[in-house]
Protein backbone atom coordinates (compact mmCIF):
# COMPACT_ATOMS: atom_id res chain seq x y z
CA MET A 1 -4.43 -13.12 -14.01
CA PRO A 2 -5.82 -10.70 -16.65
CA GLN A 3 -3.76 -7.63 -17.26
CA ASP A 4 -5.23 -4.24 -16.29
CA THR A 5 -6.30 -2.50 -19.51
CA ALA A 6 -5.38 0.92 -18.08
CA ARG A 7 -1.79 -0.22 -17.59
CA PRO A 8 0.51 -0.46 -20.60
CA ALA A 9 1.88 -3.94 -21.31
CA ASN A 10 5.45 -2.66 -20.90
CA SER A 11 4.84 -0.93 -17.55
CA ILE A 12 7.73 -1.17 -15.12
CA LEU A 13 5.43 -0.89 -12.10
CA THR A 14 3.38 -3.64 -10.56
CA GLU A 15 -0.38 -3.27 -10.37
CA GLU A 16 -0.09 -2.42 -6.67
CA GLN A 17 2.54 0.23 -7.39
CA GLU A 18 0.32 1.68 -10.12
CA GLU A 19 -2.56 1.90 -7.65
CA LEU A 20 -0.36 3.58 -5.04
CA LEU A 21 0.95 6.02 -7.65
CA ASP A 22 -2.61 6.85 -8.73
CA ALA A 23 -3.65 7.43 -5.11
CA TYR A 24 -0.59 9.61 -4.52
CA LEU A 25 -1.25 11.68 -7.64
CA GLN A 26 -4.89 12.11 -6.64
CA LYS A 27 -3.79 13.31 -3.20
CA LEU A 28 -1.41 15.80 -4.83
CA ASP A 29 -4.26 17.04 -7.05
CA ASP A 30 -6.45 17.49 -3.96
CA ILE A 31 -3.69 19.44 -2.18
CA GLN A 32 -3.19 21.65 -5.24
CA GLU A 33 -6.93 22.41 -5.35
CA GLN A 34 -6.90 23.28 -1.63
CA LEU A 35 -3.96 25.63 -2.20
CA LYS A 36 -5.81 27.33 -5.06
CA LEU A 37 -8.87 27.81 -2.87
CA ALA A 38 -6.75 29.14 0.00
CA GLU A 39 -5.08 31.60 -2.36
CA LYS A 40 -8.49 32.84 -3.55
CA VAL A 41 -9.57 33.38 0.05
CA GLN A 42 -6.33 35.21 0.82
CA VAL A 43 -6.78 37.49 -2.20
CA ALA A 44 -10.38 38.22 -1.17
CA ILE A 45 -9.29 39.11 2.38
CA GLU A 46 -6.48 41.34 1.14
CA THR A 47 -8.83 43.04 -1.31
CA GLU A 48 -11.34 43.80 1.44
CA HIS A 49 -8.55 45.08 3.65
CA LEU A 50 -7.31 47.41 0.91
CA LYS A 51 -10.85 48.64 0.24
CA ARG A 52 -11.21 49.53 3.91
CA ILE A 53 -7.87 51.36 3.92
CA LEU A 54 -8.77 53.32 0.80
CA SER A 55 -12.25 54.23 2.04
CA ARG A 56 -10.88 55.97 5.16
C-alpha cells in the first residue's frame, strides 16, 4: 500500500485518523467562518439601531 505523500512518514495517526482529523478541522474552520459572519451581521444591526436612536 503506497504511503500518502501528504502524511509524514513518522505520523502517529493512521490514514483513516488523518482523514477524520482533516474533516474535523475543516468543520471547525466552517464554524469559525459562520461565527465571523454572524458577528458582522450583529454589528450591522447594532449600528443601525444606534443610528436610529441618535437620529431621534
